Amino acid sequence: MNKLIFQIGILAFFISIVIFGVQQFSLFDTLARAFIVFITVVLFGILLVVFVTYIHEKNETTKQSESHNTAAHSVANNE
């Protein structure tokens, strides 16, 4: 997953180099802005993975607690 996020960041970096280069920015400004785009894309990718992982784990614990409660009710009803 980390490799995919990094590759998407590199893609955004090079696309932004082309976009900023066409707009006649100096070389330093082009590279600085492209690097900022790279960092932003990578950070958003990491935050997205963390958020999705958190939601997935939350759903798993909810399902486990529901199945545990259902099993406890079934045992209580049978006695």
Protein backbone atom coordinates (compact mmCIF):
# COMPACT_ATOMS: atom_id res chain seq x y z
CA MET A 1 0.00 0.00 0.00
CA ASN A 2 2.84 2.39 0.84
CA LYS A 3 4.43 1.76 -2.54
CA LEU A 4 1.17 2.62 -4.31
CA ILE A 5 0.79 5.87 -2.36
CA PHE A 6 4.39 6.81 -3.15
CA GLN A 7 3.94 6.06 -6.86
CA ILE A 8 0.78 8.20 -7.02
CA GLY A 9 2.74 10.99 -5.32
CA ILE A 10 5.55 10.67 -7.88
CA LEU A 11 2.99 10.78 -10.70
CA ALA A 12 1.46 13.95 -9.25
CA PHE A 13 4.97 15.42 -8.89
CA PHE A 14 5.83 14.94 -12.55
CA ILE A 15 2.43 16.06 -13.80
CA SER A 16 2.73 19.22 -11.71
CA ILE A 17 6.24 19.82 -13.09
CA VAL A 18 4.76 19.82 -16.59
CA ILE A 19 1.85 22.07 -15.59
CA PHE A 20 4.00 24.58 -13.71
CA GLY A 21 6.71 24.46 -16.40
CA VAL A 22 4.21 25.43 -19.10
CA GLN A 23 3.15 28.43 -16.99
CA GLN A 24 6.65 29.94 -17.31
CA PHE A 25 7.64 29.69 -13.63
CA SER A 26 11.35 29.65 -12.84
CA LEU A 27 13.00 26.26 -12.38
CA PHE A 28 13.21 26.67 -8.61
CA ASP A 29 9.54 27.73 -8.32
CA THR A 30 8.47 24.82 -10.51
CA LEU A 31 10.38 22.26 -8.45
CA ALA A 32 9.27 23.79 -5.13
CA ARG A 33 5.61 23.79 -6.12
CA ALA A 34 5.84 20.26 -7.53
CA PHE A 35 7.45 19.06 -4.30
CA ILE A 36 4.62 20.65 -2.30
CA VAL A 37 2.12 18.83 -4.51
CA PHE A 38 4.02 15.56 -3.95
CA ILE A 39 4.03 15.96 -0.16
CA THR A 40 0.33 16.89 -0.16
CA VAL A 41 -0.70 13.89 -2.26
CA VAL A 42 1.34 11.47 -0.16
CA LEU A 43 -0.02 12.86 3.13
CA PHE A 44 -3.61 12.69 1.89
CA GLY A 45 -3.00 9.11 0.73
CA ILE A 46 -1.65 8.12 4.13
CA LEU A 47 -4.56 9.83 5.91
CA LEU A 48 -7.01 8.03 3.63
CA VAL A 49 -5.45 4.64 4.39
CA VAL A 50 -5.48 5.35 8.15
CA PHE A 51 -9.13 6.47 8.01
CA VAL A 52 -10.27 3.45 6.01
CA THR A 53 -8.34 1.11 8.32
CA TYR A 54 -9.94 2.73 11.37
CA ILE A 55 -13.45 2.40 9.91
CA HIS A 56 -12.78 -1.23 8.94
CA GLU A 57 -11.52 -2.12 12.43
CA LYS A 58 -14.46 -0.32 14.02
CA ASN A 59 -16.89 -2.35 11.89
CA GLU A 60 -15.10 -5.58 12.76
CA THR A 61 -15.31 -4.91 16.50
CA THR A 62 -18.98 -3.97 16.15
CA LYS A 63 -19.73 -7.21 14.30
CA GLN A 64 -17.83 -9.22 16.90
CA SER A 65 -19.66 -7.60 19.80
CA GLU A 66 -23.04 -8.12 18.06
CA SER A 67 -22.30 -11.80 17.43
CA HIS A 68 -21.14 -12.17 21.04
CA ASN A 69 -24.34 -10.51 22.32
CA THR A 70 -26.48 -12.66 20.03
CA ALA A 71 -24.76 -15.80 21.26
CA ALA A 72 -25.23 -14.70 24.88
CA HIS A 73 -28.96 -14.10 24.27
CA SER A 74 -29.32 -17.49 22.61
CA VAL A 75 -27.70 -19.23 25.56
CA ALA A 76 -29.86 -17.28 28.00
CA ASN A 77 -33.04 -18.08 26.06
CA ASN A 78 -32.23 -21.80 25.93
CA GLU A 79 -31.76 -22.09 29.69
